[in-house]
């Protein structure tokens, strides 16, 4: 089964967020509440990435990943008139948002 749309941007976004969290965790003791929240956030990003890569049905909270991904929309919408690639990325984000929400229901 294929998505019918290129998900490169979304996958790269989640991979980048996971990388940032891993870098932060290097500086925080895992016993701290902040570290525990970051570990949970990373797990959600990883599960969302797994869904995009293999259509697995996992137990996750898609809201964290969706909010992070959709946070890019205002800038992309401003660029859409001048950078045609932005329109494709906007469509991808809308598709991934729906995919992640539907996968949770």
N, C-alpha and C. Protein backbone atom coordinates (compact mmCIF):
# COMPACT_ATOMS: atom_id res chain seq x y z
N UNK A 1 0.85 -1.18 0.00
CA UNK A 1 0.00 0.00 0.00
C UNK A 1 0.89 1.24 0.00
N UNK A 2 0.61 2.16 -0.87
CA UNK A 2 1.37 3.40 -0.95
C UNK A 2 0.50 4.57 -0.59
N UNK A 3 1.13 5.63 -0.13
CA UNK A 3 0.39 6.82 0.29
C UNK A 3 -0.15 7.62 -0.89
N UNK A 4 0.53 7.57 -2.01
CA UNK A 4 0.10 8.38 -3.15
C UNK A 4 0.59 9.81 -3.06
N UNK A 5 1.36 10.11 -2.05
CA UNK A 5 1.92 11.44 -1.87
C UNK A 5 3.31 11.27 -1.24
N UNK A 6 4.21 12.15 -1.59
CA UNK A 6 5.58 12.08 -1.07
C UNK A 6 5.59 12.59 0.38
N UNK A 7 6.04 11.77 1.30
CA UNK A 7 6.04 12.13 2.72
C UNK A 7 7.42 12.52 3.24
N UNK A 8 8.33 12.86 2.33
CA UNK A 8 9.70 13.16 2.70
C UNK A 8 9.79 14.29 3.72
N UNK A 9 9.07 15.37 3.50
CA UNK A 9 9.14 16.52 4.41
C UNK A 9 8.72 16.13 5.82
N UNK A 10 7.61 15.45 5.95
CA UNK A 10 7.09 15.07 7.27
C UNK A 10 8.04 14.11 7.97
N UNK A 11 8.56 13.15 7.24
CA UNK A 11 9.51 12.20 7.84
C UNK A 11 10.75 12.93 8.33
N UNK A 12 11.26 13.84 7.52
CA UNK A 12 12.44 14.59 7.91
C UNK A 12 12.15 15.48 9.12
N UNK A 13 10.95 16.04 9.17
CA UNK A 13 10.56 16.88 10.31
C UNK A 13 10.59 16.06 11.60
N UNK A 14 9.97 14.87 11.59
CA UNK A 14 9.95 14.04 12.78
C UNK A 14 11.34 13.55 13.15
N UNK A 15 12.14 13.19 12.17
CA UNK A 15 13.52 12.76 12.44
C UNK A 15 14.32 13.88 13.08
N UNK A 16 14.11 15.11 12.60
CA UNK A 16 14.82 16.26 13.16
C UNK A 16 14.38 16.52 14.60
N UNK A 17 13.10 16.41 14.88
CA UNK A 17 12.60 16.60 16.23
C UNK A 17 13.16 15.54 17.18
N UNK A 18 13.24 14.30 16.73
CA UNK A 18 13.82 13.22 17.53
C UNK A 18 15.28 13.52 17.82
N UNK A 19 16.00 14.00 16.82
CA UNK A 19 17.41 14.34 16.99
C UNK A 19 17.57 15.45 18.03
N UNK A 20 16.74 16.49 17.96
CA UNK A 20 16.81 17.59 18.93
C UNK A 20 16.54 17.09 20.35
N UNK A 21 15.55 16.23 20.48
CA UNK A 21 15.22 15.69 21.81
C UNK A 21 16.39 14.87 22.34
N UNK A 22 16.99 14.05 21.49
CA UNK A 22 18.14 13.25 21.92
C UNK A 22 19.30 14.13 22.37
N UNK A 23 19.51 15.24 21.67
CA UNK A 23 20.57 16.17 22.07
C UNK A 23 20.26 16.81 23.42
N UNK A 24 19.00 17.16 23.65
CA UNK A 24 18.61 17.72 24.94
C UNK A 24 18.78 16.71 26.06
N UNK A 25 18.42 15.46 25.79
CA UNK A 25 18.51 14.42 26.81
C UNK A 25 19.94 14.15 27.26
N UNK A 26 20.90 14.49 26.41
CA UNK A 26 22.31 14.33 26.79
C UNK A 26 22.69 15.26 27.93
N UNK A 27 21.91 16.32 28.13
CA UNK A 27 22.24 17.34 29.13
C UNK A 27 21.30 17.32 30.34
N UNK A 28 20.39 16.38 30.38
CA UNK A 28 19.41 16.32 31.46
C UNK A 28 19.45 14.94 32.10
N UNK A 29 19.40 14.89 33.41
CA UNK A 29 19.33 13.59 34.09
C UNK A 29 17.97 12.97 33.81
N UNK A 30 17.97 11.70 33.50
CA UNK A 30 16.73 11.03 33.11
C UNK A 30 15.72 10.94 34.25
N UNK A 31 16.15 11.18 35.47
CA UNK A 31 15.22 11.14 36.61
C UNK A 31 14.35 12.40 36.67
N UNK A 32 14.76 13.47 36.04
CA UNK A 32 14.02 14.72 36.09
C UNK A 32 12.72 14.63 35.31
N UNK A 33 11.74 15.36 35.77
CA UNK A 33 10.43 15.36 35.13
C UNK A 33 10.52 15.83 33.67
N UNK A 34 11.34 16.84 33.42
CA UNK A 34 11.50 17.35 32.05
C UNK A 34 12.02 16.26 31.12
N UNK A 35 12.96 15.47 31.61
CA UNK A 35 13.51 14.39 30.79
C UNK A 35 12.45 13.34 30.50
N UNK A 36 11.65 13.03 31.49
CA UNK A 36 10.58 12.03 31.29
C UNK A 36 9.57 12.51 30.25
N UNK A 37 9.27 13.80 30.28
CA UNK A 37 8.35 14.36 29.28
C UNK A 37 8.98 14.33 27.89
N UNK A 38 10.27 14.62 27.81
CA UNK A 38 10.96 14.56 26.52
C UNK A 38 11.01 13.14 25.97
N UNK A 39 11.21 12.17 26.84
CA UNK A 39 11.25 10.77 26.42
C UNK A 39 9.88 10.37 25.87
N UNK A 40 8.81 10.79 26.53
CA UNK A 40 7.46 10.48 26.05
C UNK A 40 7.19 11.17 24.71
N UNK A 41 7.63 12.40 24.58
CA UNK A 41 7.46 13.15 23.32
C UNK A 41 8.22 12.46 22.19
N UNK A 42 9.45 12.04 22.48
CA UNK A 42 10.26 11.34 21.48
C UNK A 42 9.57 10.05 21.05
N UNK A 43 9.01 9.32 22.01
CA UNK A 43 8.31 8.08 21.69
C UNK A 43 7.14 8.32 20.75
N UNK A 44 6.41 9.42 20.98
CA UNK A 44 5.30 9.76 20.07
C UNK A 44 5.79 10.08 18.67
N UNK A 45 6.87 10.84 18.57
CA UNK A 45 7.43 11.14 17.25
C UNK A 45 7.88 9.85 16.56
N UNK A 46 8.51 8.97 17.31
CA UNK A 46 8.99 7.71 16.73
C UNK A 46 7.83 6.85 16.24
N UNK A 47 6.74 6.82 17.00
CA UNK A 47 5.57 6.04 16.58
C UNK A 47 4.92 6.65 15.35
N UNK A 48 4.84 7.96 15.30
CA UNK A 48 4.28 8.62 14.11
C UNK A 48 5.16 8.34 12.89
N UNK A 49 6.44 8.36 13.08
CA UNK A 49 7.37 8.05 11.99
C UNK A 49 7.19 6.61 11.54
N UNK A 50 6.98 5.70 12.46
CA UNK A 50 6.73 4.31 12.12
C UNK A 50 5.45 4.16 11.30
N UNK A 51 4.45 4.92 11.67
CA UNK A 51 3.18 4.87 10.93
C UNK A 51 3.39 5.36 9.50
N UNK A 52 4.15 6.43 9.33
CA UNK A 52 4.41 6.96 7.99
C UNK A 52 5.24 5.98 7.16
N UNK A 53 6.11 5.24 7.81
CA UNK A 53 6.99 4.32 7.10
C UNK A 53 6.34 2.97 6.81
N UNK A 54 5.42 2.52 7.67
CA UNK A 54 4.94 1.14 7.50
C UNK A 54 3.47 0.91 7.81
N UNK A 55 2.71 1.93 8.05
CA UNK A 55 1.27 1.80 8.30
C UNK A 55 0.95 0.98 9.53
N UNK A 56 1.83 0.93 10.50
CA UNK A 56 1.56 0.18 11.72
C UNK A 56 0.46 0.87 12.51
N UNK A 57 -0.33 0.07 13.19
CA UNK A 57 -1.35 0.61 14.07
C UNK A 57 -0.80 0.59 15.49
N UNK A 58 -0.37 1.74 15.98
CA UNK A 58 0.29 1.84 17.28
C UNK A 58 -0.54 2.67 18.24
N UNK A 59 -0.27 2.48 19.53
CA UNK A 59 -0.91 3.29 20.55
C UNK A 59 -0.04 4.54 20.76
N UNK A 60 -0.55 5.70 20.39
CA UNK A 60 0.21 6.94 20.48
C UNK A 60 -0.75 8.12 20.57
N UNK A 61 -0.19 9.26 20.94
CA UNK A 61 -0.96 10.50 20.98
C UNK A 61 -0.50 11.34 19.80
N UNK A 62 -1.29 11.44 18.75
CA UNK A 62 -0.85 12.15 17.55
C UNK A 62 -0.80 13.67 17.70
N UNK A 63 -1.42 14.22 18.73
CA UNK A 63 -1.52 15.67 18.85
C UNK A 63 -0.16 16.36 18.94
N UNK A 64 0.77 15.78 19.67
CA UNK A 64 2.09 16.39 19.82
C UNK A 64 2.76 16.53 18.46
N UNK A 65 2.76 15.45 17.69
CA UNK A 65 3.40 15.46 16.37
C UNK A 65 2.64 16.36 15.39
N UNK A 66 1.33 16.33 15.46
CA UNK A 66 0.52 17.15 14.55
C UNK A 66 0.74 18.63 14.82
N UNK A 67 0.75 19.03 16.08
CA UNK A 67 0.97 20.44 16.42
C UNK A 67 2.34 20.89 15.93
N UNK A 68 3.33 20.05 16.13
CA UNK A 68 4.70 20.38 15.69
C UNK A 68 4.77 20.55 14.18
N UNK A 69 4.17 19.62 13.47
CA UNK A 69 4.20 19.66 12.00
C UNK A 69 3.39 20.82 11.45
N UNK A 70 2.21 21.03 11.99
CA UNK A 70 1.34 22.11 11.50
C UNK A 70 1.87 23.50 11.87
N UNK A 71 2.79 23.57 12.80
CA UNK A 71 3.41 24.84 13.16
C UNK A 71 4.17 25.46 11.99
N UNK A 72 4.50 24.67 11.01
CA UNK A 72 5.21 25.15 9.83
C UNK A 72 4.26 25.76 8.78
N UNK A 73 2.97 25.52 8.91
CA UNK A 73 2.02 25.96 7.88
C UNK A 73 1.98 27.47 7.63
N UNK A 74 1.95 28.33 8.65
CA UNK A 74 1.88 29.76 8.35
C UNK A 74 3.03 30.25 7.46
N UNK A 75 4.23 29.82 7.77
CA UNK A 75 5.37 30.23 6.95
C UNK A 75 5.27 29.66 5.54
N UNK A 76 4.87 28.42 5.42
CA UNK A 76 4.74 27.80 4.10
C UNK A 76 3.65 28.47 3.27
N UNK A 77 2.56 28.86 3.91
CA UNK A 77 1.48 29.53 3.19
C UNK A 77 1.93 30.90 2.67
N UNK A 78 2.76 31.58 3.44
CA UNK A 78 3.30 32.86 2.97
C UNK A 78 4.22 32.67 1.76
N UNK A 79 4.95 31.58 1.75
CA UNK A 79 5.90 31.30 0.68
C UNK A 79 5.23 30.73 -0.57
N UNK A 80 4.03 30.18 -0.43
CA UNK A 80 3.39 29.42 -1.50
C UNK A 80 3.29 30.19 -2.82
N UNK A 81 3.06 31.48 -2.73
CA UNK A 81 2.93 32.30 -3.94
C UNK A 81 4.26 32.38 -4.70
N UNK A 82 5.35 32.35 -3.98
CA UNK A 82 6.67 32.55 -4.59
C UNK A 82 7.46 31.25 -4.78
N UNK A 83 7.16 30.27 -3.95
CA UNK A 83 7.88 28.99 -4.03
C UNK A 83 6.87 27.87 -4.25
N UNK A 84 6.74 27.41 -5.49
CA UNK A 84 5.73 26.39 -5.82
C UNK A 84 5.84 25.11 -4.98
N UNK A 85 7.04 24.75 -4.56
CA UNK A 85 7.24 23.54 -3.76
C UNK A 85 6.50 23.63 -2.42
N UNK A 86 6.27 24.84 -1.94
CA UNK A 86 5.57 25.03 -0.67
C UNK A 86 4.16 24.45 -0.72
N UNK A 87 3.50 24.57 -1.87
CA UNK A 87 2.14 24.04 -2.00
C UNK A 87 2.11 22.53 -1.82
N UNK A 88 3.12 21.85 -2.36
CA UNK A 88 3.19 20.39 -2.20
C UNK A 88 3.41 20.01 -0.74
N UNK A 89 4.24 20.78 -0.06
CA UNK A 89 4.51 20.50 1.36
C UNK A 89 3.27 20.76 2.19
N UNK A 90 2.53 21.81 1.88
CA UNK A 90 1.27 22.10 2.58
C UNK A 90 0.30 20.93 2.40
N UNK A 91 0.17 20.43 1.18
CA UNK A 91 -0.70 19.29 0.91
C UNK A 91 -0.23 18.07 1.69
N UNK A 92 1.08 17.87 1.75
CA UNK A 92 1.63 16.74 2.50
C UNK A 92 1.30 16.85 3.98
N UNK A 93 1.44 18.04 4.55
CA UNK A 93 1.15 18.23 5.97
C UNK A 93 -0.32 17.97 6.25
N UNK A 94 -1.19 18.44 5.38
CA UNK A 94 -2.63 18.18 5.55
C UNK A 94 -2.92 16.68 5.48
N UNK A 95 -2.28 16.00 4.54
CA UNK A 95 -2.46 14.55 4.39
C UNK A 95 -1.97 13.81 5.63
N UNK A 96 -0.77 14.16 6.11
CA UNK A 96 -0.18 13.49 7.28
C UNK A 96 -1.03 13.76 8.52
N UNK A 97 -1.53 14.97 8.66
CA UNK A 97 -2.40 15.30 9.79
C UNK A 97 -3.61 14.38 9.80
N UNK A 98 -4.25 14.24 8.66
CA UNK A 98 -5.43 13.37 8.55
C UNK A 98 -5.05 11.92 8.80
N UNK A 99 -3.94 11.48 8.24
CA UNK A 99 -3.49 10.10 8.41
C UNK A 99 -3.24 9.79 9.89
N UNK A 100 -2.56 10.68 10.59
CA UNK A 100 -2.25 10.43 11.99
C UNK A 100 -3.51 10.48 12.86
N UNK A 101 -4.41 11.41 12.57
CA UNK A 101 -5.67 11.48 13.34
C UNK A 101 -6.52 10.25 13.09
N UNK A 102 -6.63 9.83 11.83
CA UNK A 102 -7.45 8.66 11.49
C UNK A 102 -6.85 7.38 12.06
N UNK A 103 -5.53 7.33 12.09
CA UNK A 103 -4.87 6.15 12.63
C UNK A 103 -5.10 5.97 14.11
N UNK A 104 -5.41 7.05 14.80
CA UNK A 104 -5.63 6.99 16.25
C UNK A 104 -7.06 6.64 16.59
N UNK A 105 -8.00 6.95 15.71
CA UNK A 105 -9.42 6.76 16.06
C UNK A 105 -9.85 5.31 16.12
